[in-house]
Amino acid sequence: MRITINVPDEIIRQLREHVIKEGKSLSSLIAEFIERGIKETKRRTARDNILRTAGRARIDNNALRMLDEMRSEDDRA
């Protein structure tokens, strides 16, 4: 798909340097950077959701004791 966007001159200069260094077309490089940005945004959102959920979780007071018991049972097996 063809679109038109306005990009600051400095960013275009940096993109052109990457084009030369990577040996890719400007279009493929821009698409790659956009895809990375989208993936990173999704990752960050998922991480924030996990941390927010974990912050509301309750931990059983006996959790460490239970973990130690499970570990010692594994050692015996």
PDB file of N, CA and C in Angstrom:
ATOM      1  N   MET A   1       0.842  -1.165   0.000  1.00  0.00           N
ATOM      2  CA  MET A   1       0.000   0.000   0.000  1.00  0.00           C
ATOM      3  C   MET A   1       0.890   1.232   0.000  1.00  0.00           C
ATOM      4  N   ARG A   2       0.495   2.203  -0.712  1.00  0.00           N
ATOM      5  CA  ARG A   2       1.255   3.436  -0.808  1.00  0.00           C
ATOM      6  C   ARG A   2       0.607   4.494   0.070  1.00  0.00           C
ATOM      7  N   ILE A   3       1.416   5.146   0.918  1.00  0.00           N
ATOM      8  CA  ILE A   3       0.927   6.241   1.752  1.00  0.00           C
ATOM      9  C   ILE A   3       1.921   7.393   1.685  1.00  0.00           C
ATOM     10  N   THR A   4       1.472   8.557   2.078  1.00  0.00           N
ATOM     11  CA  THR A   4       2.336   9.730   2.136  1.00  0.00           C
ATOM     12  C   THR A   4       2.389  10.201   3.576  1.00  0.00           C
ATOM     13  N   ILE A   5       3.606  10.404   4.085  1.00  0.00           N
ATOM     14  CA  ILE A   5       3.776  10.900   5.454  1.00  0.00           C
ATOM     15  C   ILE A   5       4.819  12.004   5.445  1.00  0.00           C
ATOM     16  N   ASN A   6       4.768  12.857   6.450  1.00  0.00           N
ATOM     17  CA  ASN A   6       5.778  13.900   6.622  1.00  0.00           C
ATOM     18  C   ASN A   6       6.737  13.444   7.715  1.00  0.00           C
ATOM     19  N   VAL A   7       8.027  13.417   7.373  1.00  0.00           N
ATOM     20  CA  VAL A   7       9.054  12.949   8.299  1.00  0.00           C
ATOM     21  C   VAL A   7      10.118  14.036   8.389  1.00  0.00           C
ATOM     22  N   PRO A   8      10.558  14.363   9.609  1.00  0.00           N
ATOM     23  CA  PRO A   8      11.607  15.377   9.757  1.00  0.00           C
ATOM     24  C   PRO A   8      12.868  15.011   8.960  1.00  0.00           C
ATOM     25  N   ASP A   9      13.530  16.033   8.440  1.00  0.00           N
ATOM     26  CA  ASP A   9      14.724  15.840   7.607  1.00  0.00           C
ATOM     27  C   ASP A   9      15.804  15.008   8.301  1.00  0.00           C
ATOM     28  N   GLU A  10      16.006  15.222   9.593  1.00  0.00           N
ATOM     29  CA  GLU A  10      17.053  14.497  10.324  1.00  0.00           C
ATOM     30  C   GLU A  10      16.754  12.997  10.342  1.00  0.00           C
ATOM     31  N   ILE A  11      15.501  12.636  10.506  1.00  0.00           N
ATOM     32  CA  ILE A  11      15.141  11.214  10.512  1.00  0.00           C
ATOM     33  C   ILE A  11      15.352  10.611   9.127  1.00  0.00           C
ATOM     34  N   ILE A  12      15.012  11.349   8.086  1.00  0.00           N
ATOM     35  CA  ILE A  12      15.239  10.864   6.715  1.00  0.00           C
ATOM     36  C   ILE A  12      16.733  10.656   6.480  1.00  0.00           C
ATOM     37  N   ARG A  13      17.550  11.574   6.967  1.00  0.00           N
ATOM     38  CA  ARG A  13      19.000  11.434   6.823  1.00  0.00           C
ATOM     39  C   ARG A  13      19.476  10.154   7.501  1.00  0.00           C
ATOM     40  N   GLN A  14      18.985   9.915   8.716  1.00  0.00           N
ATOM     41  CA  GLN A  14      19.373   8.706   9.442  1.00  0.00           C
ATOM     42  C   GLN A  14      18.872   7.451   8.721  1.00  0.00           C
ATOM     43  N   LEU A  15      17.664   7.512   8.187  1.00  0.00           N
ATOM     44  CA  LEU A  15      17.131   6.369   7.432  1.00  0.00           C
ATOM     45  C   LEU A  15      18.003   6.065   6.224  1.00  0.00           C
ATOM     46  N   ARG A  16      18.403   7.101   5.513  1.00  0.00           N
ATOM     47  CA  ARG A  16      19.241   6.889   4.329  1.00  0.00           C
ATOM     48  C   ARG A  16      20.580   6.263   4.703  1.00  0.00           C
ATOM     49  N   GLU A  17      21.133   6.637   5.856  1.00  0.00           N
ATOM     50  CA  GLU A  17      22.373   6.018   6.327  1.00  0.00           C
ATOM     51  C   GLU A  17      22.145   4.521   6.578  1.00  0.00           C
ATOM     52  N   HIS A  18      21.012   4.194   7.192  1.00  0.00           N
ATOM     53  CA  HIS A  18      20.680   2.782   7.440  1.00  0.00           C
ATOM     54  C   HIS A  18      20.485   2.027   6.128  1.00  0.00           C
ATOM     55  N   VAL A  19      19.861   2.662   5.151  1.00  0.00           N
ATOM     56  CA  VAL A  19      19.634   2.028   3.849  1.00  0.00           C
ATOM     57  C   VAL A  19      20.967   1.603   3.248  1.00  0.00           C
ATOM     58  N   ILE A  20      21.929   2.507   3.284  1.00  0.00           N
ATOM     59  CA  ILE A  20      23.252   2.213   2.724  1.00  0.00           C
ATOM     60  C   ILE A  20      23.927   1.105   3.522  1.00  0.00           C
ATOM     61  N   LYS A  21      23.886   1.224   4.852  1.00  0.00           N
ATOM     62  CA  LYS A  21      24.563   0.256   5.714  1.00  0.00           C
ATOM     63  C   LYS A  21      23.916  -1.135   5.622  1.00  0.00           C
ATOM     64  N   GLU A  22      22.583  -1.190   5.588  1.00  0.00           N
ATOM     65  CA  GLU A  22      21.868  -2.465   5.576  1.00  0.00           C
ATOM     66  C   GLU A  22      21.704  -3.052   4.178  1.00  0.00           C
ATOM     67  N   GLY A  23      21.850  -2.220   3.159  1.00  0.00           N
ATOM     68  CA  GLY A  23      21.660  -2.695   1.795  1.00  0.00           C
ATOM     69  C   GLY A  23      20.212  -3.039   1.484  1.00  0.00           C
ATOM     70  N   LYS A  24      19.280  -2.330   2.116  1.00  0.00           N
ATOM     71  CA  LYS A  24      17.852  -2.566   1.913  1.00  0.00           C
ATOM     72  C   LYS A  24      17.237  -1.340   1.259  1.00  0.00           C
ATOM     73  N   SER A  25      16.014  -1.510   0.764  1.00  0.00           N
ATOM     74  CA  SER A  25      15.317  -0.358   0.198  1.00  0.00           C
ATOM     75  C   SER A  25      14.768   0.499   1.338  1.00  0.00           C
ATOM     76  N   LEU A  26      14.549   1.758   1.034  1.00  0.00           N
ATOM     77  CA  LEU A  26      13.992   2.671   2.025  1.00  0.00           C
ATOM     78  C   LEU A  26      12.618   2.174   2.486  1.00  0.00           C
ATOM     79  N   SER A  27      11.802   1.716   1.556  1.00  0.00           N
ATOM     80  CA  SER A  27      10.463   1.220   1.899  1.00  0.00           C
ATOM     81  C   SER A  27      10.526   0.024   2.834  1.00  0.00           C
ATOM     82  N   SER A  28      11.409  -0.941   2.547  1.00  0.00           N
ATOM     83  CA  SER A  28      11.480  -2.131   3.394  1.00  0.00           C
ATOM     84  C   SER A  28      12.020  -1.787   4.779  1.00  0.00           C
ATOM     85  N   LEU A  29      12.956  -0.852   4.843  1.00  0.00           N
ATOM     86  CA  LEU A  29      13.517  -0.451   6.123  1.00  0.00           C
ATOM     87  C   LEU A  29      12.463   0.265   6.977  1.00  0.00           C
ATOM     88  N   ILE A  30      11.703   1.157   6.367  1.00  0.00           N
ATOM     89  CA  ILE A  30      10.651   1.863   7.097  1.00  0.00           C
ATOM     90  C   ILE A  30       9.604   0.864   7.587  1.00  0.00           C
ATOM     91  N   ALA A  31       9.200  -0.070   6.742  1.00  0.00           N
ATOM     92  CA  ALA A  31       8.220  -1.091   7.138  1.00  0.00           C
ATOM     93  C   ALA A  31       8.758  -1.915   8.315  1.00  0.00           C
ATOM     94  N   GLU A  32      10.047  -2.259   8.268  1.00  0.00           N
ATOM     95  CA  GLU A  32      10.669  -3.037   9.343  1.00  0.00           C
ATOM     96  C   GLU A  32      10.645  -2.250  10.650  1.00  0.00           C
ATOM     97  N   PHE A  33      10.989  -0.969  10.596  1.00  0.00           N
ATOM     98  CA  PHE A  33      10.997  -0.142  11.804  1.00  0.00           C
ATOM     99  C   PHE A  33       9.586   0.032  12.369  1.00  0.00           C
ATOM    100  N   ILE A  34       8.609   0.207  11.510  1.00  0.00           N
ATOM    101  CA  ILE A  34       7.221   0.339  11.970  1.00  0.00           C
ATOM    102  C   ILE A  34       6.775  -0.959  12.626  1.00  0.00           C
ATOM    103  N   GLU A  35       7.101  -2.086  12.013  1.00  0.00           N
ATOM    104  CA  GLU A  35       6.728  -3.386  12.577  1.00  0.00           C
ATOM    105  C   GLU A  35       7.368  -3.584  13.947  1.00  0.00           C
ATOM    106  N   ARG A  36       8.647  -3.219  14.078  1.00  0.00           N
ATOM    107  CA  ARG A  36       9.322  -3.325  15.372  1.00  0.00           C
ATOM    108  C   ARG A  36       8.643  -2.446  16.417  1.00  0.00           C
ATOM    109  N   GLY A  37       8.267  -1.232  16.007  1.00  0.00           N
ATOM    110  CA  GLY A  37       7.599  -0.314  16.924  1.00  0.00           C
ATOM    111  C   GLY A  37       6.267  -0.863  17.401  1.00  0.00           C
ATOM    112  N   ILE A  38       5.506  -1.454  16.500  1.00  0.00           N
ATOM    113  CA  ILE A  38       4.215  -2.044  16.862  1.00  0.00           C
ATOM    114  C   ILE A  38       4.417  -3.204  17.823  1.00  0.00           C
ATOM    115  N   LYS A  39       5.378  -4.085  17.524  1.00  0.00           N
ATOM    116  CA  LYS A  39       5.648  -5.231  18.403  1.00  0.00           C
ATOM    117  C   LYS A  39       6.092  -4.766  19.784  1.00  0.00           C
ATOM    118  N   GLU A  40       6.960  -3.761  19.825  1.00  0.00           N
ATOM    119  CA  GLU A  40       7.461  -3.251  21.103  1.00  0.00           C
ATOM    120  C   GLU A  40       6.326  -2.632  21.909  1.00  0.00           C
ATOM    121  N   THR A  41       5.424  -1.931  21.255  1.00  0.00           N
ATOM    122  CA  THR A  41       4.276  -1.338  21.943  1.00  0.00           C
ATOM    123  C   THR A  41       3.385  -2.424  22.526  1.00  0.00           C
ATOM    124  N   LYS A  42       3.148  -3.495  21.758  1.00  0.00           N
ATOM    125  CA  LYS A  42       2.335  -4.608  22.260  1.00  0.00           C
ATOM    126  C   LYS A  42       3.018  -5.272  23.449  1.00  0.00           C
ATOM    127  N   ARG A  43       4.348  -5.480  23.359  1.00  0.00           N
ATOM    128  CA  ARG A  43       5.106  -6.088  24.456  1.00  0.00           C
ATOM    129  C   ARG A  43       5.013  -5.237  25.717  1.00  0.00           C
ATOM    130  N   ARG A  44       5.203  -3.927  25.549  1.00  0.00           N
ATOM    131  CA  ARG A  44       5.171  -3.017  26.679  1.00  0.00           C
ATOM    132  C   ARG A  44       3.785  -3.014  27.331  1.00  0.00           C
ATOM    133  N   THR A  45       2.744  -3.008  26.514  1.00  0.00           N
ATOM    134  CA  THR A  45       1.377  -3.034  27.039  1.00  0.00           C
ATOM    135  C   THR A  45       1.129  -4.324  27.806  1.00  0.00           C
ATOM    136  N   ALA A  46       1.549  -5.462  27.254  1.00  0.00           N
ATOM    137  CA  ALA A  46       1.374  -6.748  27.925  1.00  0.00           C
ATOM    138  C   ALA A  46       2.142  -6.761  29.247  1.00  0.00           C
ATOM    139  N   ARG A  47       3.372  -6.265  29.231  1.00  0.00           N
ATOM    140  CA  ARG A  47       4.182  -6.220  30.452  1.00  0.00           C
ATOM    141  C   ARG A  47       3.507  -5.359  31.513  1.00  0.00           C
ATOM    142  N   ASP A  48       3.012  -4.198  31.116  1.00  0.00           N
ATOM    143  CA  ASP A  48       2.340  -3.315  32.066  1.00  0.00           C
ATOM    144  C   ASP A  48       1.089  -3.971  32.643  1.00  0.00           C
ATOM    145  N   ASN A  49       0.341  -4.679  31.802  1.00  0.00           N
ATOM    146  CA  ASN A  49      -0.854  -5.378  32.279  1.00  0.00           C
ATOM    147  C   ASN A  49      -0.498  -6.472  33.274  1.00  0.00           C
ATOM    148  N   ILE A  50       0.562  -7.215  32.986  1.00  0.00           N
ATOM    149  CA  ILE A  50       1.014  -8.277  33.888  1.00  0.00           C
ATOM    150  C   ILE A  50       1.444  -7.684  35.230  1.00  0.00           C
ATOM    151  N   LEU A  51       2.224  -6.617  35.185  1.00  0.00           N
ATOM    152  CA  LEU A  51       2.685  -5.998  36.427  1.00  0.00           C
ATOM    153  C   LEU A  51       1.526  -5.418  37.230  1.00  0.00           C
ATOM    154  N   ARG A  52       0.569  -4.835  36.546  1.00  0.00           N
ATOM    155  CA  ARG A  52      -0.597  -4.270  37.225  1.00  0.00           C
ATOM    156  C   ARG A  52      -1.399  -5.399  37.894  1.00  0.00           C
ATOM    157  N   THR A  53      -1.565  -6.506  37.182  1.00  0.00           N
ATOM    158  CA  THR A  53      -2.293  -7.650  37.726  1.00  0.00           C
ATOM    159  C   THR A  53      -1.530  -8.263  38.892  1.00  0.00           C
ATOM    160  N   ALA A  54      -0.224  -8.407  38.749  1.00  0.00           N
ATOM    161  CA  ALA A  54       0.600  -9.000  39.808  1.00  0.00           C
ATOM    162  C   ALA A  54       0.555  -8.143  41.062  1.00  0.00           C
ATOM    163  N   GLY A  55       0.450  -6.850  40.891  1.00  0.00           N
ATOM    164  CA  GLY A  55       0.384  -5.950  42.042  1.00  0.00           C
ATOM    165  C   GLY A  55      -0.866  -6.154  42.873  1.00  0.00           C
ATOM    166  N   ARG A  56      -1.912  -6.721  42.274  1.00  0.00           N
ATOM    167  CA  ARG A  56      -3.160  -6.971  42.999  1.00  0.00           C
ATOM    168  C   ARG A  56      -3.226  -8.391  43.557  1.00  0.00           C
ATOM    169  N   ALA A  57      -2.265  -9.216  43.192  1.00  0.00           N
ATOM    170  CA  ALA A  57      -2.295 -10.622  43.623  1.00  0.00           C
ATOM    171  C   ALA A  57      -1.977 -10.727  45.112  1.00  0.00           C
ATOM    172  N   ARG A  58      -2.602 -11.696  45.746  1.00  0.00           N
ATOM    173  CA  ARG A  58      -2.319 -11.962  47.152  1.00  0.00           C
ATOM    174  C   ARG A  58      -1.426 -13.192  47.237  1.00  0.00           C
ATOM    175  N   ILE A  59      -0.479 -13.152  48.133  1.00  0.00           N
ATOM    176  CA  ILE A  59       0.441 -14.270  48.312  1.00  0.00           C
ATOM    177  C   ILE A  59       0.130 -14.922  49.655  1.00  0.00           C
ATOM    178  N   ASP A  60      -0.047 -16.224  49.612  1.00  0.00           N
ATOM    179  CA  ASP A  60      -0.328 -16.992  50.828  1.00  0.00           C
ATOM    180  C   ASP A  60       0.844 -16.840  51.791  1.00  0.00           C
ATOM    181  N   ASN A  61       0.549 -16.637  53.066  1.00  0.00           N
ATOM    182  CA  ASN A  61       1.604 -16.481  54.078  1.00  0.00           C
ATOM    183  C   ASN A  61       2.497 -17.710  54.175  1.00  0.00           C
ATOM    184  N   ASN A  62       1.985 -18.849  53.765  1.00  0.00           N
ATOM    185  CA  ASN A  62       2.748 -20.094  53.846  1.00  0.00           C
ATOM    186  C   ASN A  62       3.449 -20.430  52.530  1.00  0.00           C
ATOM    187  N   ALA A  63       3.491 -19.513  51.602  1.00  0.00           N
ATOM    188  CA  ALA A  63       4.014 -19.793  50.263  1.00  0.00           C
ATOM    189  C   ALA A  63       5.457 -20.298  50.299  1.00  0.00           C
ATOM    190  N   LEU A  64       6.325 -19.656  51.083  1.00  0.00           N
ATOM    191  CA  LEU A  64       7.728 -20.086  51.127  1.00  0.00           C
ATOM    192  C   LEU A  64       7.857 -21.493  51.713  1.00  0.00           C
ATOM    193  N   ARG A  65       7.102 -21.763  52.759  1.00  0.00           N
ATOM    194  CA  ARG A  65       7.137 -23.090  53.362  1.00  0.00           C
ATOM    195  C   ARG A  65       6.654 -24.142  52.359  1.00  0.00           C
ATOM    196  N   MET A  66       5.574 -23.835  51.647  1.00  0.00           N
ATOM    197  CA  MET A  66       5.029 -24.761  50.657  1.00  0.00           C
ATOM    198  C   MET A  66       6.037 -24.998  49.528  1.00  0.00           C
ATOM    199  N   LEU A  67       6.693 -23.943  49.101  1.00  0.00           N
ATOM    200  CA  LEU A  67       7.699 -24.067  48.047  1.00  0.00           C
ATOM    201  C   LEU A  67       8.854 -24.945  48.505  1.00  0.00           C
ATOM    202  N   ASP A  68       9.320 -24.728  49.742  1.00  0.00           N
ATOM    203  CA  ASP A  68      10.403 -25.557  50.287  1.00  0.00           C
ATOM    204  C   ASP A  68       9.995 -27.022  50.363  1.00  0.00           C
ATOM    205  N   GLU A  69       8.746 -27.280  50.761  1.00  0.00           N
ATOM    206  CA  GLU A  69       8.260 -28.655  50.845  1.00  0.00           C
ATOM    207  C   GLU A  69       8.228 -29.303  49.460  1.00  0.00           C
ATOM    208  N   MET A  70       7.755 -28.570  48.482  1.00  0.00           N
ATOM    209  CA  MET A  70       7.699 -29.120  47.119  1.00  0.00           C
ATOM    210  C   MET A  70       9.103 -29.396  46.598  1.00  0.00           C
ATOM    211  N   ARG A  71      10.036 -28.505  46.904  1.00  0.00           N
ATOM    212  CA  ARG A  71      11.414 -28.720  46.454  1.00  0.00           C
ATOM    213  C   ARG A  71      12.014 -29.951  47.112  1.00  0.00           C
ATOM    214  N   SER A  72      11.757 -30.125  48.416  1.00  0.00           N
ATOM    215  CA  SER A  72      12.351 -31.278  49.099  1.00  0.00           C
ATOM    216  C   SER A  72      11.708 -32.573  48.602  1.00  0.00           C
ATOM    217  N   GLU A  73      10.427 -32.550  48.242  1.00  0.00           N
ATOM    218  CA  GLU A  73       9.784 -33.730  47.662  1.00  0.00           C
ATOM    219  C   GLU A  73      10.420 -34.070  46.332  1.00  0.00           C
ATOM    220  N   ASP A  74      10.747 -33.065  45.522  1.00  0.00           N
ATOM    221  CA  ASP A  74      11.409 -33.311  44.235  1.00  0.00           C
ATOM    222  C   ASP A  74      12.787 -33.912  44.442  1.00  0.00           C
ATOM    223  N   ASP A  75      13.496 -33.465  45.472  1.00  0.00           N
ATOM    224  CA  ASP A  75      14.833 -33.972  45.743  1.00  0.00           C
ATOM    225  C   ASP A  75      14.798 -35.458  46.098  1.00  0.00           C
ATOM    226  N   ARG A  76      13.704 -35.890  46.711  1.00  0.00           N
ATOM    227  CA  ARG A  76      13.584 -37.288  47.120  1.00  0.00           C
ATOM    228  C   ARG A  76      13.223 -38.207  45.976  1.00  0.00           C
ATOM    229  N   ALA A  77      12.653 -37.662  44.940  1.00  0.00           N
ATOM    230  CA  ALA A  77      12.183 -38.489  43.825  1.00  0.00           C
ATOM    231  C   ALA A  77      13.308 -39.022  42.975  1.00  0.00           C
TER     232      ALA A  77
END
